[in-house]
Amino acid sequence: MSDAFTMLKNAKEAGKKVVGFYCVYAPQELVLAADALGFGLCATKEEGIPDGEKTLPRNFCPLIKSSYGLAVTDKCPYFLYSDIIIGETTCDGKKKMFELMQSFKPVHVMKLPQCNLDDKDKAYWLEEVKALKAVLEKELAAEITDEKLRSAIKQLNQERLLMQKLSGFMKLDPVPMTGQDFLKLMWGRNFVTDRTDFAEQIEAVIADIKDSVAKGEAAMPKGARRIVVTGVPTGVGAEKVIRIIEDCGAAVVYIENCSGMKQFVTLVDESKPPLEAIAEKYLAIPCSCMSPNPVRQQNLAQLVKEYKADGVVDITWQGCHTYNVESRVIRDYLKQNGDTSFLQIETDYSQGDVEQIKTRVQAFLEMMG
């Protein structure tokens, strides 16, 4: 990411097509099978917000304001060089952002069903995946064959397994890696141009961690309070809550957010027809935009057990209504299923509430005993 403008300019001049997307519901196998580069575009910096607020309401979600501000000013090279944007109807704010974006960039919006459990919803979503395939083939002048899809599925499944293996080390006490470093590895995956090279880098990190564990080295003290983080997308630049938790002496052992491990926990079934298997995998993502959303509740309860977590911290961006409402549902479920300590933090991208959050986190950790 050190010189994205030059890298993307060279890639475009070499004939590469670029696809941008804002959500883990965007099927990356289709992008890979089209021989295109795919990049995540969710902005996690304050920088774009002033420009975003020239068009969008000030009380909007900071992720949307920042993303739109960076896009409309061409400050985001990944957006600037994208041949097409894949959008999705995960929230009303994004839907209106995509509507505005269509005036200056090709945007295809995938229409998500309201829940992910019903057979009718699964059939509907499969048609949306097929429609995306047709759009990508047309816009990118590419042919997406079953053979290419199977190859892409295999490659991305191997990547997911590597990330699962990496997250498994966070079950150790003491933990060998900080949550902030783990977030950087997962976030960096959004900007990969060579997936084989990325896999080799992750394997090297795993080897380093094994070596550190063997030497008795650790990132946090043994016995530190163990925290699972959940909630809204939390990327590099907007990781202040994770940083505060660790500055207060606790270990972030798992980041469940869609910018974290949520995108890696489910594999695409390689035994099924490619498009059907891809549709099935992506619709299974337990986002708060789905209603009801029992899988997220169940997954969090299971993660608390697997990672021996002392508590769960739920991060909610201001203006994100689905995650804000679901926070109460998650808290009640975890209370009834394991009596897990729970803290919701509603915030934005600014640093103005850092001391307030720090005070709340300190009190939360002290209440654990």
Protein backbone atom coordinates (compact mmCIF):
# COMPACT_ATOMS: atom_id res chain seq x y z
CA MET A 1 0.00 0.00 0.00
CA SER A 2 3.05 2.28 0.11
CA ASP A 3 2.52 3.65 -3.42
CA ALA A 4 -0.93 2.52 -4.52
CA PHE A 5 -1.27 5.15 -7.28
CA THR A 6 1.85 3.93 -9.10
CA MET A 7 1.03 0.25 -8.59
CA LEU A 8 -2.49 0.63 -9.94
CA LYS A 9 -1.41 2.87 -12.82
CA ASN A 10 1.11 0.24 -13.91
CA ALA A 11 -1.45 -2.54 -13.54
CA LYS A 12 -3.96 -0.66 -15.69
CA GLU A 13 -1.35 0.07 -18.33
CA ALA A 14 -0.58 -3.66 -18.40
CA GLY A 15 -4.24 -4.34 -19.21
CA LYS A 16 -5.46 -5.39 -15.76
CA LYS A 17 -9.05 -4.64 -14.80
CA VAL A 18 -9.86 -3.41 -11.28
CA VAL A 19 -12.99 -4.05 -9.22
CA GLY A 20 -13.82 -2.24 -5.99
CA PHE A 21 -16.26 -3.50 -3.34
CA TYR A 22 -17.56 -2.30 0.00
CA CYS A 23 -18.67 -5.47 1.73
CA VAL A 24 -17.76 -9.10 2.39
CA TYR A 25 -21.01 -10.06 0.60
CA ALA A 26 -19.26 -9.26 -2.71
CA PRO A 27 -18.22 -12.68 -4.13
CA GLN A 28 -14.48 -12.29 -4.66
CA GLU A 29 -14.26 -15.59 -6.54
CA LEU A 30 -16.03 -13.96 -9.49
CA VAL A 31 -13.54 -11.09 -9.55
CA LEU A 32 -10.59 -13.50 -9.41
CA ALA A 33 -12.11 -15.72 -12.12
CA ALA A 34 -12.45 -12.64 -14.35
CA ASP A 35 -8.67 -12.17 -14.01
CA ALA A 36 -9.26 -8.82 -12.32
CA LEU A 37 -7.81 -7.21 -9.21
CA GLY A 38 -10.32 -6.76 -6.39
CA PHE A 39 -9.91 -4.24 -3.56
CA GLY A 40 -11.93 -3.35 -0.47
CA LEU A 41 -13.02 0.29 -0.43
CA CYS A 42 -14.51 0.85 3.03
CA ALA A 43 -12.67 3.93 4.29
CA THR A 44 -11.48 3.96 7.89
CA LYS A 45 -9.89 7.42 8.06
CA GLU A 46 -11.22 10.81 9.14
CA GLU A 47 -9.61 12.37 6.08
CA GLY A 48 -12.57 11.81 3.77
CA ILE A 49 -15.33 12.89 6.15
CA PRO A 50 -15.30 16.69 5.54
CA ASP A 51 -15.69 16.13 1.79
CA GLY A 52 -18.33 13.47 2.41
CA GLU A 53 -20.33 15.87 4.58
CA LYS A 54 -20.58 18.35 1.69
CA THR A 55 -23.19 15.98 0.24
CA LEU A 56 -24.19 13.59 3.02
CA PRO A 57 -25.82 14.42 6.38
CA ARG A 58 -23.45 15.08 9.27
CA ASN A 59 -25.23 12.49 11.44
CA PHE A 60 -24.51 9.75 8.87
CA CYS A 61 -22.33 6.69 9.51
CA PRO A 62 -18.63 7.77 9.49
CA LEU A 63 -17.68 4.82 7.28
CA ILE A 64 -20.06 5.98 4.56
CA LYS A 65 -19.09 9.66 4.85
CA SER A 66 -15.39 8.83 4.69
CA SER A 67 -15.82 6.34 1.83
CA TYR A 68 -17.86 8.77 -0.25
CA GLY A 69 -15.59 11.72 0.50
CA LEU A 70 -12.47 9.84 -0.64
CA ALA A 71 -14.28 8.55 -3.73
CA VAL A 72 -15.76 11.84 -4.94
CA THR A 73 -12.42 13.66 -4.57
CA ASP A 74 -10.34 10.91 -6.26
CA LYS A 75 -8.17 10.69 -3.13
CA CYS A 76 -8.66 6.92 -2.97
CA PRO A 77 -6.57 5.33 -5.74
CA TYR A 78 -8.41 2.01 -5.47
CA PHE A 79 -11.71 3.76 -6.24
CA LEU A 80 -10.17 6.02 -8.88
CA TYR A 81 -8.75 3.10 -10.88
CA SER A 82 -11.73 0.76 -10.44
CA ASP A 83 -13.49 -0.17 -13.68
CA ILE A 84 -16.64 -1.08 -11.73
CA ILE A 85 -17.87 -0.97 -8.14
CA ILE A 86 -19.80 -3.83 -6.54
CA GLY A 87 -22.33 -2.48 -4.07
CA GLU A 88 -24.87 -4.28 -1.90
CA THR A 89 -28.05 -3.39 -0.01
CA THR A 90 -26.73 -4.03 3.49
CA CYS A 91 -27.99 -0.68 4.80
CA ASP A 92 -29.99 2.33 3.67
CA GLY A 93 -26.97 4.62 3.98
CA LYS A 94 -24.87 2.59 1.56
CA LYS A 95 -27.78 2.27 -0.86
CA LYS A 96 -28.06 6.06 -1.11
CA MET A 97 -24.26 6.37 -1.39
CA PHE A 98 -24.26 3.96 -4.34
CA GLU A 99 -27.07 5.97 -5.93
CA LEU A 100 -24.88 9.08 -5.80
CA MET A 101 -21.78 7.22 -6.99
CA GLN A 102 -23.51 6.03 -10.13
CA SER A 103 -23.21 9.56 -11.53
CA PHE A 104 -19.41 9.27 -11.78
CA LYS A 105 -18.52 5.54 -11.67
CA PRO A 106 -20.11 2.29 -12.94
CA VAL A 107 -21.80 0.66 -9.93
CA HIS A 108 -23.59 -2.66 -9.76
CA VAL A 109 -25.68 -3.13 -6.61
CA MET A 110 -26.41 -6.66 -5.41
CA LYS A 111 -29.81 -6.84 -3.74
CA LEU A 112 -29.60 -8.88 -0.56
CA PRO A 113 -32.64 -10.73 0.77
CA GLN A 114 -33.89 -9.79 4.23
CA CYS A 115 -32.73 -13.01 5.88
CA ASN A 116 -30.31 -15.81 5.05
CA LEU A 117 -32.19 -18.90 6.19
CA ASP A 118 -35.15 -19.30 3.84
CA ASP A 119 -34.94 -21.42 0.63
CA LYS A 120 -36.64 -18.63 -1.32
CA ASP A 121 -33.99 -16.19 -0.12
CA LYS A 122 -31.24 -18.59 -1.17
CA ALA A 123 -32.74 -18.96 -4.65
CA TYR A 124 -33.11 -15.20 -4.94
CA TRP A 125 -29.48 -14.62 -3.92
CA LEU A 126 -28.24 -17.20 -6.40
CA GLU A 127 -29.90 -15.16 -9.16
CA GLU A 128 -28.12 -12.05 -7.86
CA VAL A 129 -24.77 -13.86 -8.07
CA LYS A 130 -25.57 -14.96 -11.62
CA ALA A 131 -26.48 -11.37 -12.52
CA LEU A 132 -23.17 -10.14 -11.11
CA LYS A 133 -21.31 -12.71 -13.22
CA ALA A 134 -23.01 -11.39 -16.37
CA VAL A 135 -22.25 -7.78 -15.46
CA LEU A 136 -18.58 -8.49 -14.75
CA GLU A 137 -18.19 -10.41 -17.99
CA LYS A 138 -19.64 -7.48 -19.93
CA GLU A 139 -17.87 -4.63 -18.09
CA LEU A 140 -14.49 -6.38 -17.90
CA ALA A 141 -14.66 -8.06 -21.32
CA ALA A 142 -13.94 -11.39 -19.61
CA GLU A 143 -15.31 -14.91 -19.68
CA ILE A 144 -15.97 -16.41 -16.25
CA THR A 145 -15.98 -20.16 -16.77
CA ASP A 146 -16.75 -22.90 -14.24
CA GLU A 147 -13.11 -24.00 -14.49
CA LYS A 148 -11.88 -20.51 -13.57
CA LEU A 149 -14.40 -20.31 -10.74
CA ARG A 150 -13.26 -23.65 -9.31
CA SER A 151 -9.65 -22.47 -9.41
CA ALA A 152 -10.60 -19.21 -7.66
CA ILE A 153 -12.62 -21.09 -5.04
CA LYS A 154 -9.69 -23.36 -4.28
CA GLN A 155 -7.26 -20.47 -3.98
CA LEU A 156 -9.47 -18.37 -1.70
CA ASN A 157 -10.40 -21.40 0.42
CA GLN A 158 -6.71 -22.05 1.03
CA GLU A 159 -6.34 -18.41 2.03
CA ARG A 160 -9.26 -18.73 4.46
CA LEU A 161 -7.75 -21.85 6.01
CA LEU A 162 -4.46 -20.00 6.54
CA MET A 163 -6.26 -17.17 8.34
CA GLN A 164 -8.13 -19.70 10.48
CA LYS A 165 -4.80 -21.30 11.36
CA LEU A 166 -3.39 -17.90 12.24
CA SER A 167 -6.36 -17.06 14.47
CA GLY A 168 -5.94 -20.40 16.26
CA PHE A 169 -2.75 -19.12 17.89
CA MET A 170 -4.83 -16.50 19.70
CA LYS A 171 -6.32 -19.31 21.80
CA LEU A 172 -2.98 -19.55 23.62
CA ASP A 173 -2.29 -17.92 26.98
CA PRO A 174 -0.27 -15.75 26.75
CA VAL A 175 -1.26 -14.64 23.26
CA PRO A 176 1.67 -14.46 20.79
CA MET A 177 0.27 -11.51 18.79
CA THR A 178 -1.65 -8.34 19.58
CA GLY A 179 -5.13 -7.82 18.25
CA GLN A 180 -3.85 -4.69 16.48
CA ASP A 181 -1.26 -6.70 14.54
CA PHE A 182 -3.82 -9.40 13.75
CA LEU A 183 -6.14 -6.69 12.40
CA LYS A 184 -3.35 -5.36 10.14
CA LEU A 185 -2.88 -8.82 8.61
CA MET A 186 -6.60 -9.24 7.92
CA TRP A 187 -7.00 -5.66 6.69
CA GLY A 188 -4.00 -5.97 4.39
CA ARG A 189 -5.75 -8.78 2.58
CA ASN A 190 -8.04 -6.13 1.03
CA PHE A 191 -5.13 -4.72 -0.96
CA VAL A 192 -3.48 -7.85 -2.35
CA THR A 193 -2.35 -7.94 -5.97
CA ASP A 194 -0.65 -11.35 -5.83
CA ARG A 195 -2.66 -13.87 -3.79
CA THR A 196 0.04 -16.54 -3.98
CA ASP A 197 2.57 -14.10 -2.55
CA PHE A 198 0.09 -13.11 0.16
CA ALA A 199 -0.38 -16.76 1.17
CA GLU A 200 3.39 -17.18 1.39
CA GLN A 201 3.64 -14.10 3.60
CA ILE A 202 0.96 -15.43 5.96
CA GLU A 203 2.76 -18.80 6.11
CA ALA A 204 5.94 -16.92 7.04
CA VAL A 205 4.07 -15.09 9.81
CA ILE A 206 2.74 -18.40 11.11
CA ALA A 207 6.28 -19.83 11.14
CA ASP A 208 7.50 -16.76 13.07
CA ILE A 209 4.70 -17.14 15.62
CA LYS A 210 5.50 -20.82 16.12
CA ASP A 211 9.10 -19.86 16.76
CA SER A 212 8.06 -17.17 19.24
CA VAL A 213 5.78 -19.58 21.10
CA ALA A 214 8.59 -22.13 21.31
CA LYS A 215 10.86 -19.46 22.83
CA GLY A 216 8.19 -18.47 25.35
CA GLU A 217 7.76 -15.03 23.83
CA ALA A 218 4.34 -13.33 23.92
CA ALA A 219 2.63 -10.08 22.99
CA MET A 220 0.64 -9.77 26.23
CA PRO A 221 1.23 -11.02 29.79
CA LYS A 222 -0.02 -14.45 30.77
CA GLY A 223 -3.39 -14.22 32.50
CA ALA A 224 -4.39 -10.94 30.83
CA ARG A 225 -8.12 -10.46 30.44
CA ARG A 226 -9.21 -11.96 27.13
CA ILE A 227 -11.61 -9.99 24.91
CA VAL A 228 -13.57 -10.90 21.77
CA VAL A 229 -14.33 -7.83 19.64
CA THR A 230 -17.46 -7.76 17.49
CA GLY A 231 -19.58 -5.16 15.68
CA VAL A 232 -19.06 -2.85 12.71
CA PRO A 233 -16.17 -3.00 10.20
CA THR A 234 -13.08 -1.85 12.10
CA GLY A 235 -10.09 -1.30 9.86
CA VAL A 236 -6.65 0.22 10.15
CA GLY A 237 -7.12 3.89 10.89
CA ALA A 238 -10.28 3.28 12.92
CA GLU A 239 -8.88 0.73 15.36
CA LYS A 240 -8.89 3.03 18.39
CA VAL A 241 -11.17 0.81 20.51
CA ILE A 242 -8.93 -2.23 19.96
CA ARG A 243 -5.87 -0.11 20.80
CA ILE A 244 -7.51 1.22 23.97
CA ILE A 245 -8.47 -2.29 25.14
CA GLU A 246 -4.86 -3.43 24.77
CA ASP A 247 -3.46 -0.23 26.29
CA CYS A 248 -5.60 -1.04 29.33
CA GLY A 249 -3.83 -4.41 29.64
CA ALA A 250 -6.36 -6.79 28.10
CA ALA A 251 -5.69 -9.11 25.15
CA VAL A 252 -7.92 -8.90 22.08
CA VAL A 253 -7.98 -12.60 21.19
CA TYR A 254 -10.52 -12.53 18.35
CA ILE A 255 -11.93 -9.89 15.99
CA GLU A 256 -15.27 -11.20 14.78
CA ASN A 257 -16.18 -8.14 12.68
CA CYS A 258 -16.54 -8.51 8.90
CA SER A 259 -13.26 -6.61 8.57
CA GLY A 260 -11.85 -9.37 10.76
CA MET A 261 -12.44 -13.11 10.83
CA LYS A 262 -16.10 -13.15 9.76
CA GLN A 263 -15.07 -13.32 6.10
CA PHE A 264 -12.74 -16.28 6.68
CA VAL A 265 -14.69 -18.72 8.85
CA THR A 266 -16.84 -20.32 6.13
CA LEU A 267 -15.41 -22.08 3.09
CA VAL A 268 -16.98 -22.43 -0.34
CA ASP A 269 -18.10 -26.05 -0.83
CA GLU A 270 -15.81 -27.34 -3.60
CA SER A 271 -18.04 -30.36 -4.27
CA LYS A 272 -21.02 -28.27 -5.48
CA PRO A 273 -21.60 -26.37 -8.75
CA PRO A 274 -19.43 -23.21 -8.46
CA LEU A 275 -22.05 -20.45 -8.58
CA GLU A 276 -24.38 -22.32 -6.24
CA ALA A 277 -21.57 -22.94 -3.76
CA ILE A 278 -20.39 -19.32 -3.90
CA ALA A 279 -23.91 -18.00 -3.33
CA GLU A 280 -24.37 -20.36 -0.37
CA LYS A 281 -21.12 -19.31 1.30
CA TYR A 282 -21.68 -15.57 1.04
CA LEU A 283 -25.33 -15.62 2.09
CA ALA A 284 -24.29 -17.48 5.26
CA ILE A 285 -22.42 -14.36 6.51
CA PRO A 286 -24.23 -13.32 9.72
CA CYS A 287 -24.44 -9.55 9.28
CA SER A 288 -26.76 -7.42 11.41
CA CYS A 289 -28.57 -6.40 8.21
CA MET A 290 -30.19 -9.86 8.31
CA SER A 291 -33.29 -10.21 10.42
CA PRO A 292 -33.49 -12.42 12.34
CA ASN A 293 -29.78 -13.05 12.75
CA PRO A 294 -29.37 -15.99 15.18
CA VAL A 295 -26.11 -17.28 13.67
CA ARG A 296 -24.15 -14.27 14.90
CA GLN A 297 -25.42 -14.80 18.43
CA GLN A 298 -24.56 -18.48 18.38
CA ASN A 299 -21.13 -17.86 16.83
CA LEU A 300 -20.20 -15.33 19.49
CA ALA A 301 -21.21 -17.66 22.33
CA GLN A 302 -19.08 -20.39 20.76
CA LEU A 303 -16.12 -18.03 20.27
CA VAL A 304 -16.24 -17.04 23.94
CA LYS A 305 -15.82 -20.73 24.84
CA GLU A 306 -13.16 -21.55 22.23
CA TYR A 307 -10.98 -18.53 23.00
CA LYS A 308 -11.66 -18.62 26.75
CA ALA A 309 -12.79 -15.00 26.59
CA ASP A 310 -13.61 -13.01 29.72
CA GLY A 311 -15.79 -10.56 27.85
CA VAL A 312 -17.13 -9.23 24.54
CA VAL A 313 -16.78 -5.64 23.32
CA ASP A 314 -19.27 -4.58 20.62
CA ILE A 315 -18.16 -1.59 18.50
CA THR A 316 -20.95 0.43 16.87
CA TRP A 317 -20.47 3.40 14.58
CA GLN A 318 -22.75 6.35 15.22
CA GLY A 319 -25.62 6.19 12.74
CA CYS A 320 -25.35 2.42 12.22
CA HIS A 321 -28.85 1.45 13.27
CA THR A 322 -28.78 -2.30 12.55
CA TYR A 323 -25.69 -2.95 14.69
CA ASN A 324 -26.96 -0.57 17.37
CA VAL A 325 -30.28 -2.40 17.71
CA GLU A 326 -28.66 -5.83 17.51
CA SER A 327 -26.21 -4.97 20.28
CA ARG A 328 -28.97 -5.37 22.86
CA VAL A 329 -29.95 -8.72 21.33
CA ILE A 330 -26.33 -9.94 21.50
CA ARG A 331 -25.93 -8.75 25.09
CA ASP A 332 -29.08 -10.57 26.24
CA TYR A 333 -28.10 -13.77 24.38
CA LEU A 334 -24.60 -13.84 25.88
CA LYS A 335 -26.05 -13.16 29.34
CA GLN A 336 -28.39 -16.12 29.02
CA ASN A 337 -25.80 -18.38 27.41
CA GLY A 338 -22.71 -18.22 29.59
CA ASP A 339 -23.27 -15.00 31.56
CA THR A 340 -20.55 -13.29 29.50
CA SER A 341 -19.50 -9.74 30.39
CA PHE A 342 -20.52 -7.36 27.59
CA LEU A 343 -19.71 -3.76 26.67
CA GLN A 344 -21.09 -1.76 23.76
CA ILE A 345 -19.10 1.24 22.59
CA GLU A 346 -20.80 3.65 20.19
CA THR A 347 -18.26 5.93 18.55
CA ASP A 348 -16.99 7.43 15.27
CA TYR A 349 -13.61 8.00 13.60
CA SER A 350 -12.58 10.99 15.71
CA GLN A 351 -10.19 10.90 18.66
CA GLY A 352 -12.34 13.20 20.79
CA ASP A 353 -13.84 10.41 22.91
CA VAL A 354 -10.66 8.39 23.51
CA GLU A 355 -10.42 9.24 27.22
CA GLN A 356 -14.12 8.51 27.74
CA ILE A 357 -13.77 5.12 26.04
CA LYS A 358 -10.64 4.38 28.07
CA THR A 359 -12.51 5.07 31.32
CA ARG A 360 -15.36 2.77 30.28
CA VAL A 361 -12.98 -0.02 29.23
CA GLN A 362 -11.03 0.23 32.49
CA ALA A 363 -14.26 -0.02 34.50
CA PHE A 364 -15.40 -2.96 32.34
CA LEU A 365 -12.17 -4.87 33.01
CA GLU A 366 -12.27 -4.09 36.74
CA MET A 367 -15.87 -5.37 36.99
CA MET A 368 -14.61 -8.77 35.84
CA GLY A 369 -12.94 -9.14 39.19
